[in-house]
Structures are given as structure tokens and as C-alpha cells.
Protein backbone atom coordinates (compact mmCIF):
# COMPACT_ATOMS: atom_id res chain seq x y z
CA UNK A 1 -96.39 96.82 -75.02
CA UNK A 2 -93.29 97.20 -73.24
CA UNK A 3 -92.34 94.84 -70.55
CA UNK A 4 -91.77 96.78 -67.00
CA UNK A 5 -90.41 95.01 -63.79
CA UNK A 6 -89.64 96.34 -60.59
CA UNK A 7 -86.59 95.10 -59.08
CA UNK A 8 -87.55 94.80 -54.87
CA UNK A 9 -83.31 95.54 -53.77
CA UNK A 10 -81.12 98.28 -54.75
CA UNK A 11 -77.72 95.95 -53.69
CA UNK A 12 -75.39 95.32 -56.67
CA UNK A 13 -77.36 91.86 -56.78
CA UNK A 14 -80.54 93.71 -58.21
CA UNK A 15 -78.30 95.43 -60.67
CA UNK A 16 -76.96 91.94 -62.12
CA UNK A 17 -80.67 90.85 -62.88
CA UNK A 18 -81.20 94.66 -64.19
CA UNK A 19 -78.24 93.36 -66.22
CA UNK A 20 -80.89 89.38 -67.06
CA UNK A 21 -84.10 91.35 -67.15
CA UNK A 22 -82.71 93.24 -70.08
CA UNK A 23 -81.57 90.30 -71.97
CA UNK A 24 -85.11 88.92 -71.23
CA UNK A 25 -86.99 91.70 -73.15
CA UNK A 26 -87.74 93.88 -70.02
CA UNK A 27 -87.30 97.28 -71.65
CA UNK A 28 -88.38 99.36 -68.57
CA UNK A 29 -87.26 98.68 -65.01
CA UNK A 30 -87.17 99.81 -61.84
CA UNK A 31 -86.47 99.45 -58.07
CA UNK A 32 -87.94 99.80 -54.88
CA UNK A 33 -85.33 99.83 -51.33
CA UNK A 34 -86.38 100.31 -47.98
CA UNK A 35 -82.90 103.28 -48.05
CA UNK A 36 -84.75 106.37 -48.17
CA UNK A 37 -81.91 107.85 -49.30
CA UNK A 38 -81.22 105.51 -52.30
CA UNK A 39 -82.87 106.94 -55.65
CA UNK A 40 -80.58 104.97 -58.72
CA UNK A 41 -78.64 101.93 -58.70
CA UNK A 42 -76.33 102.15 -61.01
CA UNK A 43 -78.82 103.84 -64.31
CA UNK A 44 -82.01 102.68 -62.47
CA UNK A 45 -84.10 104.55 -61.04
CA UNK A 46 -85.31 103.85 -57.48
CA UNK A 47 -88.97 104.46 -57.58
CA UNK A 48 -89.95 104.00 -53.57
CA UNK A 49 -89.90 101.69 -50.18
CA UNK A 50 -90.90 97.98 -50.44
CA UNK A 51 -93.86 99.45 -48.30
CA UNK A 52 -95.22 100.95 -52.21
CA UNK A 53 -95.32 96.93 -54.14
CA UNK A 54 -99.14 97.73 -53.69
CA UNK A 55 -99.44 100.63 -55.88
CA UNK A 56 -97.38 98.69 -58.85
CA UNK A 57 -98.98 95.41 -59.03
CA UNK A 58 -101.28 96.07 -61.75
CA UNK A 59 -98.54 98.07 -64.29
CA UNK A 60 -95.17 95.93 -63.90
CA UNK A 61 -93.28 92.38 -62.91
CA UNK A 62 -91.38 92.23 -60.20
CA UNK A 63 -88.37 90.57 -58.96
CA UNK A 64 -86.41 90.27 -55.87
CA UNK A 65 -83.03 91.49 -55.58
CA UNK A 66 -82.25 90.68 -51.76
CA UNK A 67 -79.48 87.41 -51.56
CA UNK A 68 -80.62 87.20 -47.70
CA UNK A 69 -82.89 83.77 -47.50
CA UNK A 70 -85.98 84.96 -45.19
CA UNK A 71 -86.10 88.56 -46.47
CA UNK A 72 -86.47 87.49 -50.18
CA UNK A 73 -89.48 85.13 -48.42
CA UNK A 74 -90.81 88.37 -46.84
CA UNK A 75 -90.58 89.73 -49.86
CA UNK A 76 -91.95 87.54 -51.70
CA UNK A 77 -95.08 87.05 -49.84
CA UNK A 78 -95.71 91.17 -49.94
CA UNK A 79 -96.42 90.80 -53.58
CA UNK A 80 -99.50 90.08 -55.30
CA UNK A 81 -98.24 90.52 -58.80
CA UNK A 82 -96.27 88.74 -61.51
CA UNK A 83 -93.14 87.37 -60.63
CA UNK A 84 -91.18 85.93 -63.65
CA UNK A 85 -88.38 82.99 -64.01
CA UNK A 86 -85.29 85.02 -65.31
CA UNK A 87 -82.25 83.40 -67.33
CA UNK A 88 -79.71 84.68 -68.19
CA UNK A 89 -78.81 83.40 -72.02
CA UNK A 90 -75.44 82.62 -71.60
CA UNK A 91 -77.08 79.52 -68.91
CA UNK A 92 -77.53 76.05 -69.91
CA UNK A 93 -80.85 75.03 -69.15
CA UNK A 94 -81.92 71.27 -70.11
CA UNK A 95 -84.96 70.49 -71.21
CA UNK A 96 -87.26 69.01 -68.22
CA UNK A 97 -85.95 71.25 -65.81
CA UNK A 98 -88.80 72.61 -64.03
CA UNK A 99 -88.18 75.71 -62.46
CA UNK A 100 -91.00 77.98 -60.56
CA UNK A 101 -91.16 81.69 -60.34
CA UNK A 102 -89.42 84.43 -59.07
CA UNK A 103 -86.23 82.16 -58.93
CA UNK A 104 -83.24 83.62 -60.97
CA UNK A 105 -80.51 81.55 -62.86
CA UNK A 106 -77.16 83.95 -63.45
CA UNK A 107 -74.78 83.64 -66.56
CA UNK A 108 -72.92 80.55 -67.56
CA UNK A 109 -74.73 78.50 -65.18
CA UNK A 110 -75.77 74.89 -66.01
CA UNK A 111 -78.69 73.17 -64.53
CA UNK A 112 -79.31 69.51 -66.03
CA UNK A 113 -82.15 66.61 -67.41
CA UNK A 114 -84.64 65.68 -64.61
CA UNK A 115 -83.83 68.99 -62.13
CA UNK A 116 -86.52 70.95 -59.89
CA UNK A 117 -86.45 74.06 -58.72
CA UNK A 118 -88.18 75.69 -56.41
CA UNK A 119 -89.94 79.72 -55.85
CA UNK A 120 -87.71 83.05 -55.29
CA UNK A 121 -83.99 80.92 -55.48
CA UNK A 122 -80.92 81.64 -57.09
CA UNK A 123 -78.50 80.10 -59.45
CA UNK A 124 -75.82 82.32 -58.78
CA UNK A 125 -72.79 82.71 -61.75
CA UNK A 126 -71.29 79.79 -63.16
CA UNK A 127 -72.97 77.63 -60.30
CA UNK A 128 -73.87 74.07 -62.27
CA UNK A 129 -76.96 71.89 -60.96
CA UNK A 130 -76.38 68.14 -62.35
CA UNK A 131 -78.72 65.79 -63.24
CA UNK A 132 -81.74 65.00 -61.09
CA UNK A 133 -81.71 67.51 -58.09
CA UNK A 134 -84.09 69.30 -56.20
CA UNK A 135 -83.60 72.29 -55.20
CA UNK A 136 -86.07 73.65 -52.34
CA UNK A 137 -87.43 77.24 -52.33
CA UNK A 138 -85.80 80.39 -51.32
CA UNK A 139 -82.04 78.85 -51.65
CA UNK A 140 -78.93 80.36 -52.78
CA UNK A 141 -76.56 78.97 -54.38
CA UNK A 142 -73.42 80.91 -54.51
CA UNK A 143 -70.97 81.40 -57.76
CA UNK A 144 -68.80 78.24 -58.12
CA UNK A 145 -71.04 75.80 -56.79
CA UNK A 146 -70.96 72.39 -57.97
CA UNK A 147 -74.07 70.31 -57.37
CA UNK A 148 -73.64 66.50 -58.43
CA UNK A 149 -76.31 64.32 -59.48
CA UNK A 150 -79.55 63.67 -57.57
CA UNK A 151 -79.20 65.64 -54.38
CA UNK A 152 -81.61 67.22 -52.78
CA UNK A 153 -81.13 71.17 -51.20
CA UNK A 154 -83.41 71.91 -48.41
CA UNK A 155 -85.22 75.29 -48.11
CA UNK A 156 -83.33 78.49 -47.08
CA UNK A 157 -80.41 77.11 -47.37
CA UNK A 158 -76.97 78.48 -48.77
CA UNK A 159 -74.58 77.09 -50.34
CA UNK A 160 -71.01 79.75 -50.41
CA UNK A 161 -69.37 80.36 -52.90
CA UNK A 162 -66.99 77.41 -54.52
CA UNK A 163 -68.91 74.77 -52.13
CA UNK A 164 -69.21 71.17 -53.18
CA UNK A 165 -71.71 69.07 -53.15
CA UNK A 166 -71.06 64.85 -53.24
CA UNK A 167 -73.98 62.97 -55.68
CA UNK A 168 -77.11 61.55 -54.39
CA UNK A 169 -76.95 63.53 -50.79
CA UNK A 170 -79.54 65.12 -48.93
CA UNK A 171 -79.26 68.75 -46.67
CA UNK A 172 -81.81 69.65 -44.94
CA UNK A 173 -83.78 73.17 -44.14
CA UNK A 174 -81.94 76.37 -42.85
CA UNK A 175 -78.31 74.65 -43.94
CA UNK A 176 -74.91 77.15 -44.21
CA UNK A 177 -72.37 75.71 -46.24
CA UNK A 178 -68.99 78.19 -46.61
CA UNK A 179 -67.48 79.24 -48.93
CA UNK A 180 -65.35 76.15 -50.91
CA UNK A 181 -66.76 73.56 -48.67
CA UNK A 182 -67.22 69.91 -49.87
CA UNK A 183 -69.98 67.88 -48.49
CA UNK A 184 -69.07 64.14 -48.40
CA UNK A 185 -72.23 63.18 -46.50
CA UNK A 186 -75.74 63.23 -45.28
CA UNK A 187 -77.05 67.09 -43.62
CA UNK A 188 -79.85 66.42 -41.16
CA UNK A 189 -79.40 68.51 -38.70
CA UNK A 190 -80.20 72.92 -40.13
CA UNK A 191 -76.94 74.88 -39.00
CA UNK A 192 -73.65 75.94 -40.36
CA UNK A 193 -71.32 73.69 -42.00
CA UNK A 194 -67.19 74.42 -43.22
CA UNK A 195 -64.50 72.66 -44.22
CA UNK A 196 -63.33 69.83 -46.37
CA UNK A 197 -65.06 67.36 -45.73
CA UNK A 198 -67.26 69.76 -44.15
CA UNK A 199 -67.97 70.08 -40.48
CA UNK A 200 -70.91 71.91 -38.46
CA UNK A 201 -70.07 74.80 -36.67
CA UNK A 202 -71.20 76.93 -33.67
């Protein structure tokens, strides 16, 4: 039986998800996007808008090709069908790692033993999540990010490219960690944090 997938969000991020989906055995891949001028995303056909999701739930699985955490949640809540975990075969996943539906793990990412990854997270290219971490729903771990062991990442967090998180720290919900930033103490207040070490900015 042919495996079919619709990716919501005809973006560059969506094209990367399409590549991973093909490596996960999906033979037919289509897109939905609210930009009505888009007819293709790379070689993949755009067949409708997000309001069309319900038309396809019986025939297709779904993935979400949108980087923005809050928008990704809104799309997730619209989808009543199957939303698989998609894992690039060139990533490394510990045997007792738990990954919830809709999460995408990209090439060369490493997720070590004892880690929990929530719903619809993005574990992006060449990022590393060490042992016994907890990453809550709708977080985005950007390329090249390094998370040491025992770290807790809150819901909707965005860890910018190349950021580093010291071991056994907690970052609360709704935090943005800037590109290249280094977190060396707990973050207990939502907001944007940048620098080495990080400081909150308004």
C-alpha cells in the first residue's frame, strides 16, 4: 500500500521534511499552503490551503512544515488524522528515547538515552540533546544547538542556531534563546535571551 503524506506549509523547512518523509517510505507527498499563488514547493505539488485538511484525513498522513511554534500548534489542532514522527536515518536516537507525534528529527541530530521529546517539536540538523532531557511540546531546537544532560525545555521554546545549554538547567515556557547564546543558569521568566552568558532583553 502506497504511503501518502501531506505537509502543511510549503516552505523551505517543508521541503526538508519531504526529503525525510521519502527516506521514511512515503511515496506520495503533497503540500497545503495558505498562499494561493503557490502551486509547487520544489518538485512537490501544492494541492490546497489549510482549510482543506479535512478533505484528506482519510487518505493521507500529515506533517507540519512550519517553524513558528504557535502556528505549528494551531495547525496541529486542526488535524484529526495521523501525524507520524519523522526521523532522518542519519540521526542517532537512544533506544529508550520517547518521541511524541508530529516531531521531526533531522539529519545528524543526536538524542541520547532517557530523553523525552514532546509533540510537534523540531530537532533540527546537527543538533544534540544529551541524556535524560525533557523537551516539551512545540519546541524548536535549531541547527547546531547543544543541550547537555538533564536539561528541561519548556513548551514553545525556540533555541537559536548554535546555542548551548549547560547541564541540569530548566528553561520555562515561551523562551527564545538567541543564536550562539550560552545558558549557564535556570531561566524562570518567559522572554528573549541572548549573549554569552545569556541575558534577558526587552
